[in-house]
Amino acid sequence: MITREEALRRADTWINADKPAEERREVGIYEFEHGYVVWAVEPRRDPLQLPTNVGGGRGVIDKETGELSYWPSVSADTIAQDYAAKRAGGQ
């Protein structure tokens, strides 16, 4: 069973890899029954400026296997529902 702390560690490795300290991103996490939705938190910016990371995806770390799967940048709740449906369908 993957814990929240382990999911955060894995997400940090996925998001930040070998980035220097000044480029590292905070990790967002949303826990649900089957896993954790994870993403890079967009830093605060001037609302008149374009975001630096347009269309950045999200990941799901499965609670049982620890497997990371990639998902589009939609709400964490939507991803959790879609992931549960995918698992129920055996995909």
Protein backbone atom coordinates (compact mmCIF):
# COMPACT_ATOMS: atom_id res chain seq x y z
CA MET A 1 0.00 0.00 0.00
CA ILE A 2 1.41 3.36 -1.09
CA THR A 3 1.12 6.02 1.62
CA ARG A 4 0.51 9.71 1.01
CA GLU A 5 4.13 10.46 1.96
CA GLU A 6 5.43 7.87 -0.51
CA ALA A 7 3.13 9.25 -3.22
CA LEU A 8 4.51 12.76 -2.57
CA ARG A 9 8.07 11.45 -2.81
CA ARG A 10 7.34 9.69 -6.11
CA ALA A 11 5.51 12.73 -7.50
CA ASP A 12 8.39 15.01 -6.53
CA THR A 13 10.79 12.73 -8.42
CA TRP A 14 8.49 12.74 -11.46
CA ILE A 15 7.90 16.52 -11.44
CA ASN A 16 11.26 17.84 -10.32
CA ALA A 17 13.72 15.12 -11.40
CA ASP A 18 17.15 16.77 -11.53
CA LYS A 19 16.02 20.40 -11.61
CA PRO A 20 18.12 22.93 -9.71
CA ALA A 21 16.59 24.28 -6.48
CA GLU A 22 15.39 27.52 -8.07
CA GLU A 23 13.38 25.60 -10.70
CA ARG A 24 11.79 23.01 -8.40
CA ARG A 25 7.98 23.05 -8.21
CA GLU A 26 5.67 22.38 -5.31
CA VAL A 27 3.68 19.16 -5.68
CA GLY A 28 -0.11 19.20 -5.43
CA ILE A 29 -1.82 16.02 -4.26
CA TYR A 30 -5.42 14.82 -4.08
CA GLU A 31 -6.09 11.50 -2.37
CA PHE A 32 -8.96 9.25 -3.42
CA GLU A 33 -9.97 5.62 -2.87
CA HIS A 34 -7.66 4.08 -5.49
CA GLY A 35 -4.72 6.46 -5.48
CA TYR A 36 -3.37 9.97 -5.57
CA VAL A 37 -3.73 12.60 -8.27
CA VAL A 38 -0.49 14.61 -8.41
CA TRP A 39 0.59 17.72 -10.31
CA ALA A 40 3.09 20.58 -10.36
CA VAL A 41 1.64 23.62 -8.62
CA GLU A 42 1.85 26.69 -10.82
CA PRO A 43 3.79 29.46 -9.05
CA ARG A 44 2.05 32.76 -8.33
CA ARG A 45 2.30 35.12 -11.24
CA ASP A 46 1.07 38.44 -12.51
CA PRO A 47 -2.49 37.75 -13.78
CA LEU A 48 -1.70 39.80 -16.89
CA GLN A 49 1.12 37.41 -17.84
CA LEU A 50 0.62 34.08 -19.58
CA PRO A 51 1.27 30.97 -17.46
CA THR A 52 4.66 29.33 -17.94
CA ASN A 53 3.21 25.81 -18.05
CA VAL A 54 0.21 25.70 -20.37
CA GLY A 55 -1.53 22.33 -20.55
CA GLY A 56 0.71 20.58 -18.05
CA GLY A 57 -0.61 17.13 -17.32
CA ARG A 58 -1.34 15.34 -14.09
CA GLY A 59 -0.44 11.94 -12.81
CA VAL A 60 -2.16 9.24 -10.80
CA ILE A 61 -0.14 7.08 -8.44
CA ASP A 62 -2.02 3.85 -7.77
CA LYS A 63 -2.33 3.02 -4.05
CA GLU A 64 -1.86 -0.72 -4.58
CA THR A 65 0.87 -0.88 -7.21
CA GLY A 66 2.56 2.52 -7.04
CA GLU A 67 2.28 2.73 -10.83
CA LEU A 68 2.24 6.25 -12.26
CA SER A 69 -0.17 6.94 -15.11
CA TYR A 70 -0.50 10.19 -17.04
CA TRP A 71 -3.73 12.20 -17.32
CA PRO A 72 -4.83 15.47 -18.92
CA SER A 73 -4.94 18.72 -16.98
CA VAL A 74 -8.52 18.52 -15.70
CA SER A 75 -9.82 18.65 -12.14
CA ALA A 76 -8.45 16.10 -9.69
CA ASP A 77 -11.99 14.98 -8.86
CA THR A 78 -12.70 14.27 -12.55
CA ILE A 79 -9.48 12.28 -12.85
CA ALA A 80 -10.32 10.29 -9.70
CA GLN A 81 -13.75 9.39 -11.12
CA ASP A 82 -12.29 8.44 -14.51
CA TYR A 83 -9.53 6.38 -12.89
CA ALA A 84 -12.06 4.48 -10.76
CA ALA A 85 -14.16 3.80 -13.86
CA LYS A 86 -11.09 2.61 -15.75
CA ARG A 87 -10.15 0.24 -12.94
CA ALA A 88 -13.72 -1.08 -12.69
CA GLY A 89 -13.60 -1.82 -16.41
CA GLY A 90 -10.35 -3.76 -16.03
CA GLN A 91 -8.31 -1.46 -18.24
